[in-house]
Amino acid sequence: MHRDLEAFLEMLAAERGAAANTLAAYRRDLDDAAAFLGGGPGLVGADGEALRGYLADLSARSMTPQTQARRLSCLRQFFAFLVSDERRGDDPCQTLESPRRGKSLPKVLGIEEVGRLLDTAQQDRTPEGLRLTALVELLYAGGLRVSELVTLPDSALARDPDLLLIAGKGRKERLVPLGEAARQAVADYRAVRPGFQPPGRPSLYLFPARSATGHLSRQQVGRALKTLTLRSGQDPARVSPHVLRHAFATHLVEGGADLRAVQSLLGHADIATTQVYTHVAAARLRQLIERHHPLARRRPHSDL
């Protein structure tokens, strides 16, 4: 199992450019399946019946259909690799059915709510406050994934201060234009950036930190954002770095942006992934009408 798992992860990294976080997630999912299947043929030799038992166990553990579907996707890719690499002659996943998943829309903040976050951050002119303002501006103005944000090189704006060069999933690069507010926030932060550099060890990252990686962690950004949300008088449970990415995309679609352009800005490989924001925008418009349009609040007349 260990040899086959390492070969599978090496393939994902080499051929698909999978990020470290993605590889770690695959490892956890496959380790969990292997622990359930235990002795005997184990995971590599498991048949369809054994894998159905594992999926039933996931359901018994009250895992969401989305999590179950992700685990099954991982298993399908693992066994497809074993077959293609001639480590196994059959694929037991071919007889497995995917769990039914209800459609869930991403959480999103309104423009006013994002504005309150930014206004609150801009009130703090300490080095930490300037850094936080730059982080929030880039998440919302650039639609970055938090992993992309923390690993941004200091040279990301070197070619053109109006364009941010992002290395996304699968090492694919994309350019995202930045507005004046985001450019100013980054400029203000860069003036104090040397104070965050590890002593005697200049960092190549835009957001350096005194850590083993040399840059801020995703967890640090998440905690800082939660604290900022509380300071702004809003519910921290509704806000995360990824929620700001969703807000970036949703507000573009609501403003009439072309879906292909939004796909490019987000770095989505498949436009079907981007299309969810049309549903989010439509749902938000329905809520707007239901709350504020006078006809939506009128009760129908009863028959006399």
Foldseek 3Di string as FASTA:
>chain_A
DVVLLVVLLVCCCVVQVADPVRNVVLVVLQVLQQVVLDDDPGLLRDALVSVVVVLVVCVVVVDALVVSQVSLVSLQSSQVVCCVVVVDPDRRSVPDDRDDDDDDFDQADDPVLLVLLLVLLVVDLDLVSLVLNLLSQCLQQQLDDLVQQFQAFLCQCVVDLQWGWTQDGSRDIAIGGGDPSNSVSLVSNVVVQVVQFDPPDGDRHSAAHPDPVRTDDQVVSQVVSLVSCVSSVHHSVSDGSNNSSLHNLLVCVLVPHDLVVSCRSNVPPDSVVSCSSVVVNVVVVVVVCCVPPPVNPDDDDDDD
